Amino acid sequence: MDHSTPSAARTEPWVVFDGDCGFCTSSARWLARRLSGSGSVDARLVPWQDTDLEALGTDAARARREVLWAPPDGDVLGGAQAVAGWLRHSGQPWTTAGRVMDWPGVRVIASRAYRLVADHRDKLPGGTPACSTRTT
């Protein structure tokens, strides 16, 4: 494990995802390919298992439950709001899409859709029992 540690020198935002989940890894890489090179600093994809979560101000329980957006100089966002943060950072037309996701009605729908997908990611393509967010 590399245990990537955020530091004052970090200039790129991080997208922290579940590196043990094939669906999460594939989804993060798929979106990163579409968002890269849009005129902004690309986000760095970081599996939570290789990250000093405490230094980011969060913990493994949260990282298991949802993707995290960790800008170098701001609060860590999770779930649909993490996706919205990543979009807002990525230049047009993505910035507009991220802002729309912050509108009150859209925010509720995006959060519910995110939760539905996240709660069933073990049943989606690439998902395995290790992807499950449900506790038994």
C-alpha atoms as a PDB file:
ATOM      1  CA  MET A   1       0.000   0.000   0.000  1.00  0.00           C
ATOM      2  CA  ASP A   2       1.204   3.439  -0.864  1.00  0.00           C
ATOM      3  CA  HIS A   3      -0.861   5.280   1.809  1.00  0.00           C
ATOM      4  CA  SER A   4      -1.082   8.454  -0.213  1.00  0.00           C
ATOM      5  CA  THR A   5      -1.092  11.333   2.187  1.00  0.00           C
ATOM      6  CA  PRO A   6      -2.651  14.709   1.483  1.00  0.00           C
ATOM      7  CA  SER A   7      -0.291  17.562   2.114  1.00  0.00           C
ATOM      8  CA  ALA A   8      -0.207  21.336   1.880  1.00  0.00           C
ATOM      9  CA  ALA A   9       1.646  20.872  -1.433  1.00  0.00           C
ATOM     10  CA  ARG A  10      -1.202  18.862  -3.008  1.00  0.00           C
ATOM     11  CA  THR A  11      -2.589  20.894  -5.875  1.00  0.00           C
ATOM     12  CA  GLU A  12      -4.922  18.407  -7.531  1.00  0.00           C
ATOM     13  CA  PRO A  13      -8.231  17.257  -6.143  1.00  0.00           C
ATOM     14  CA  TRP A  14      -8.690  13.601  -5.318  1.00  0.00           C
ATOM     15  CA  VAL A  15     -11.541  11.267  -6.138  1.00  0.00           C
ATOM     16  CA  VAL A  16     -11.424   8.636  -3.401  1.00  0.00           C
ATOM     17  CA  PHE A  17     -13.232   5.422  -4.329  1.00  0.00           C
ATOM     18  CA  ASP A  18     -13.478   1.783  -3.254  1.00  0.00           C
ATOM     19  CA  GLY A  19     -10.501   0.125  -4.917  1.00  0.00           C
ATOM     20  CA  ASP A  20     -11.750  -3.348  -3.932  1.00  0.00           C
ATOM     21  CA  CYS A  21     -14.965  -2.884  -5.913  1.00  0.00           C
ATOM     22  CA  GLY A  22     -14.699  -3.605  -9.631  1.00  0.00           C
ATOM     23  CA  PHE A  23     -17.821  -1.571 -10.380  1.00  0.00           C
ATOM     24  CA  CYS A  24     -16.479   1.457  -8.466  1.00  0.00           C
ATOM     25  CA  THR A  25     -13.036   1.228 -10.054  1.00  0.00           C
ATOM     26  CA  SER A  26     -14.447   0.899 -13.575  1.00  0.00           C
ATOM     27  CA  SER A  27     -16.933   3.733 -13.009  1.00  0.00           C
ATOM     28  CA  ALA A  28     -14.290   6.110 -11.640  1.00  0.00           C
ATOM     29  CA  ARG A  29     -11.914   5.373 -14.523  1.00  0.00           C
ATOM     30  CA  TRP A  30     -14.700   5.692 -17.107  1.00  0.00           C
ATOM     31  CA  LEU A  31     -15.730   9.099 -15.802  1.00  0.00           C
ATOM     32  CA  ALA A  32     -12.126  10.282 -15.427  1.00  0.00           C
ATOM     33  CA  ARG A  33     -11.449   9.519 -19.103  1.00  0.00           C
ATOM     34  CA  ARG A  34     -14.424  11.629 -20.125  1.00  0.00           C
ATOM     35  CA  LEU A  35     -13.590  14.533 -17.817  1.00  0.00           C
ATOM     36  CA  SER A  36      -9.828  14.726 -18.370  1.00  0.00           C
ATOM     37  CA  GLY A  37      -8.223  17.382 -20.508  1.00  0.00           C
ATOM     38  CA  SER A  38     -11.111  19.821 -20.282  1.00  0.00           C
ATOM     39  CA  GLY A  39      -8.885  22.740 -19.342  1.00  0.00           C
ATOM     40  CA  SER A  40      -8.685  22.166 -15.605  1.00  0.00           C
ATOM     41  CA  VAL A  41      -6.290  20.190 -13.437  1.00  0.00           C
ATOM     42  CA  ASP A  42      -7.369  16.571 -13.683  1.00  0.00           C
ATOM     43  CA  ALA A  43      -8.475  14.900 -10.489  1.00  0.00           C
ATOM     44  CA  ARG A  44      -6.358  12.065  -9.147  1.00  0.00           C
ATOM     45  CA  LEU A  45      -8.128   8.733  -8.633  1.00  0.00           C
ATOM     46  CA  VAL A  46      -7.168   7.267  -5.258  1.00  0.00           C
ATOM     47  CA  PRO A  47      -8.490   4.018  -3.749  1.00  0.00           C
ATOM     48  CA  TRP A  48      -9.548   4.667  -0.153  1.00  0.00           C
ATOM     49  CA  GLN A  49      -7.619   1.581   0.902  1.00  0.00           C
ATOM     50  CA  ASP A  50      -4.364   3.387  -0.083  1.00  0.00           C
ATOM     51  CA  THR A  51      -5.255   6.725   1.472  1.00  0.00           C
ATOM     52  CA  ASP A  52      -4.669   8.366   4.824  1.00  0.00           C
ATOM     53  CA  LEU A  53      -8.348   9.073   5.348  1.00  0.00           C
ATOM     54  CA  GLU A  54      -7.789  10.670   8.740  1.00  0.00           C
ATOM     55  CA  ALA A  55      -5.569  13.307   7.105  1.00  0.00           C
ATOM     56  CA  LEU A  56      -8.457  14.059   4.737  1.00  0.00           C
ATOM     57  CA  GLY A  57     -10.790  14.474   7.713  1.00  0.00           C
ATOM     58  CA  THR A  58     -12.860  11.370   7.062  1.00  0.00           C
ATOM     59  CA  ASP A  59     -12.881   7.659   7.826  1.00  0.00           C
ATOM     60  CA  ALA A  60     -13.162   4.199   6.284  1.00  0.00           C
ATOM     61  CA  ALA A  61     -16.860   3.847   7.134  1.00  0.00           C
ATOM     62  CA  ARG A  62     -17.679   6.850   4.968  1.00  0.00           C
ATOM     63  CA  ALA A  63     -15.286   5.823   2.196  1.00  0.00           C
ATOM     64  CA  ARG A  64     -16.864   2.339   2.048  1.00  0.00           C
ATOM     65  CA  ARG A  65     -20.302   3.895   1.695  1.00  0.00           C
ATOM     66  CA  GLU A  66     -19.657   6.579  -0.932  1.00  0.00           C
ATOM     67  CA  VAL A  67     -17.190   8.067  -3.380  1.00  0.00           C
ATOM     68  CA  LEU A  68     -15.421  11.133  -1.982  1.00  0.00           C
ATOM     69  CA  TRP A  69     -14.368  14.399  -3.637  1.00  0.00           C
ATOM     70  CA  ALA A  70     -11.375  15.831  -1.775  1.00  0.00           C
ATOM     71  CA  PRO A  71     -10.251  19.195  -3.120  1.00  0.00           C
ATOM     72  CA  PRO A  72      -6.857  20.412  -1.897  1.00  0.00           C
ATOM     73  CA  ASP A  73      -8.452  23.376  -0.121  1.00  0.00           C
ATOM     74  CA  GLY A  74     -11.983  22.503   0.875  1.00  0.00           C
ATOM     75  CA  ASP A  75     -14.366  20.152   2.603  1.00  0.00           C
ATOM     76  CA  VAL A  76     -14.624  16.526   1.520  1.00  0.00           C
ATOM     77  CA  LEU A  77     -17.913  15.836  -0.273  1.00  0.00           C
ATOM     78  CA  GLY A  78     -19.505  12.412  -0.576  1.00  0.00           C
ATOM     79  CA  GLY A  79     -21.876  10.537  -2.843  1.00  0.00           C
ATOM     80  CA  ALA A  80     -23.791  12.512  -5.465  1.00  0.00           C
ATOM     81  CA  GLN A  81     -22.296  15.739  -4.133  1.00  0.00           C
ATOM     82  CA  ALA A  82     -18.816  14.302  -4.733  1.00  0.00           C
ATOM     83  CA  VAL A  83     -19.774  13.632  -8.341  1.00  0.00           C
ATOM     84  CA  ALA A  84     -21.182  17.162  -8.618  1.00  0.00           C
ATOM     85  CA  GLY A  85     -17.929  18.581  -7.199  1.00  0.00           C
ATOM     86  CA  TRP A  86     -15.892  16.616  -9.718  1.00  0.00           C
ATOM     87  CA  LEU A  87     -18.103  17.836 -12.560  1.00  0.00           C
ATOM     88  CA  ARG A  88     -17.940  21.476 -11.400  1.00  0.00           C
ATOM     89  CA  HIS A  89     -14.144  21.224 -11.400  1.00  0.00           C
ATOM     90  CA  SER A  90     -13.881  19.699 -14.872  1.00  0.00           C
ATOM     91  CA  GLY A  91     -14.600  22.604 -17.210  1.00  0.00           C
ATOM     92  CA  GLN A  92     -17.540  23.122 -19.546  1.00  0.00           C
ATOM     93  CA  PRO A  93     -19.945  21.565 -20.222  1.00  0.00           C
ATOM     94  CA  TRP A  94     -19.324  19.527 -17.058  1.00  0.00           C
ATOM     95  CA  THR A  95     -19.232  22.579 -14.779  1.00  0.00           C
ATOM     96  CA  THR A  96     -22.823  23.406 -15.714  1.00  0.00           C
ATOM     97  CA  ALA A  97     -23.919  19.815 -15.108  1.00  0.00           C
ATOM     98  CA  GLY A  98     -22.293  19.895 -11.648  1.00  0.00           C
ATOM     99  CA  ARG A  99     -24.026  23.167 -10.807  1.00  0.00           C
ATOM    100  CA  VAL A 100     -27.393  21.789 -11.918  1.00  0.00           C
ATOM    101  CA  MET A 101     -26.832  18.843  -9.568  1.00  0.00           C
ATOM    102  CA  ASP A 102     -26.736  21.400  -6.723  1.00  0.00           C
ATOM    103  CA  TRP A 103     -30.222  22.750  -7.459  1.00  0.00           C
ATOM    104  CA  PRO A 104     -32.503  21.716  -4.569  1.00  0.00           C
ATOM    105  CA  GLY A 105     -34.855  19.360  -6.460  1.00  0.00           C
ATOM    106  CA  VAL A 106     -32.102  17.906  -8.617  1.00  0.00           C
ATOM    107  CA  ARG A 107     -29.878  17.425  -5.567  1.00  0.00           C
ATOM    108  CA  VAL A 108     -32.514  15.230  -3.901  1.00  0.00           C
ATOM    109  CA  ILE A 109     -33.022  13.132  -7.040  1.00  0.00           C
ATOM    110  CA  ALA A 110     -29.243  12.808  -7.642  1.00  0.00           C
ATOM    111  CA  SER A 111     -28.676  11.752  -4.027  1.00  0.00           C
ATOM    112  CA  ARG A 112     -31.412   9.122  -4.184  1.00  0.00           C
ATOM    113  CA  ALA A 113     -30.159   7.790  -7.530  1.00  0.00           C
ATOM    114  CA  TYR A 114     -26.592   7.657  -6.211  1.00  0.00           C
ATOM    115  CA  ARG A 115     -27.698   5.811  -3.075  1.00  0.00           C
ATOM    116  CA  LEU A 116     -29.731   3.310  -5.131  1.00  0.00           C
ATOM    117  CA  VAL A 117     -26.710   2.495  -7.317  1.00  0.00           C
ATOM    118  CA  ALA A 118     -24.242   2.454  -4.401  1.00  0.00           C
ATOM    119  CA  ASP A 119     -26.447   0.194  -2.289  1.00  0.00           C
ATOM    120  CA  HIS A 120     -26.698  -2.348  -5.129  1.00  0.00           C
ATOM    121  CA  ARG A 121     -23.236  -2.030  -6.689  1.00  0.00           C
ATOM    122  CA  ASP A 122     -22.411  -5.631  -5.806  1.00  0.00           C
ATOM    123  CA  LYS A 123     -25.113  -6.702  -8.298  1.00  0.00           C
ATOM    124  CA  LEU A 124     -23.971  -4.388 -11.117  1.00  0.00           C
ATOM    125  CA  PRO A 125     -21.442  -5.268 -13.860  1.00  0.00           C
ATOM    126  CA  GLY A 126     -18.033  -5.722 -12.254  1.00  0.00           C
ATOM    127  CA  GLY A 127     -19.571  -5.955  -8.796  1.00  0.00           C
ATOM    128  CA  THR A 128     -18.670  -8.722  -6.367  1.00  0.00           C
ATOM    129  CA  PRO A 129     -19.723  -9.512  -2.798  1.00  0.00           C
ATOM    130  CA  ALA A 130     -16.750  -7.324  -1.688  1.00  0.00           C
ATOM    131  CA  CYS A 131     -18.594  -4.337  -3.224  1.00  0.00           C
ATOM    132  CA  SER A 132     -21.587  -4.587  -0.912  1.00  0.00           C
ATOM    133  CA  THR A 133     -22.277  -1.608   1.338  1.00  0.00           C
ATOM    134  CA  ARG A 134     -24.850  -3.563   3.322  1.00  0.00           C
ATOM    135  CA  THR A 135     -23.854  -4.971   6.678  1.00  0.00           C
ATOM    136  CA  THR A 136     -25.085  -8.338   7.845  1.00  0.00           C
END
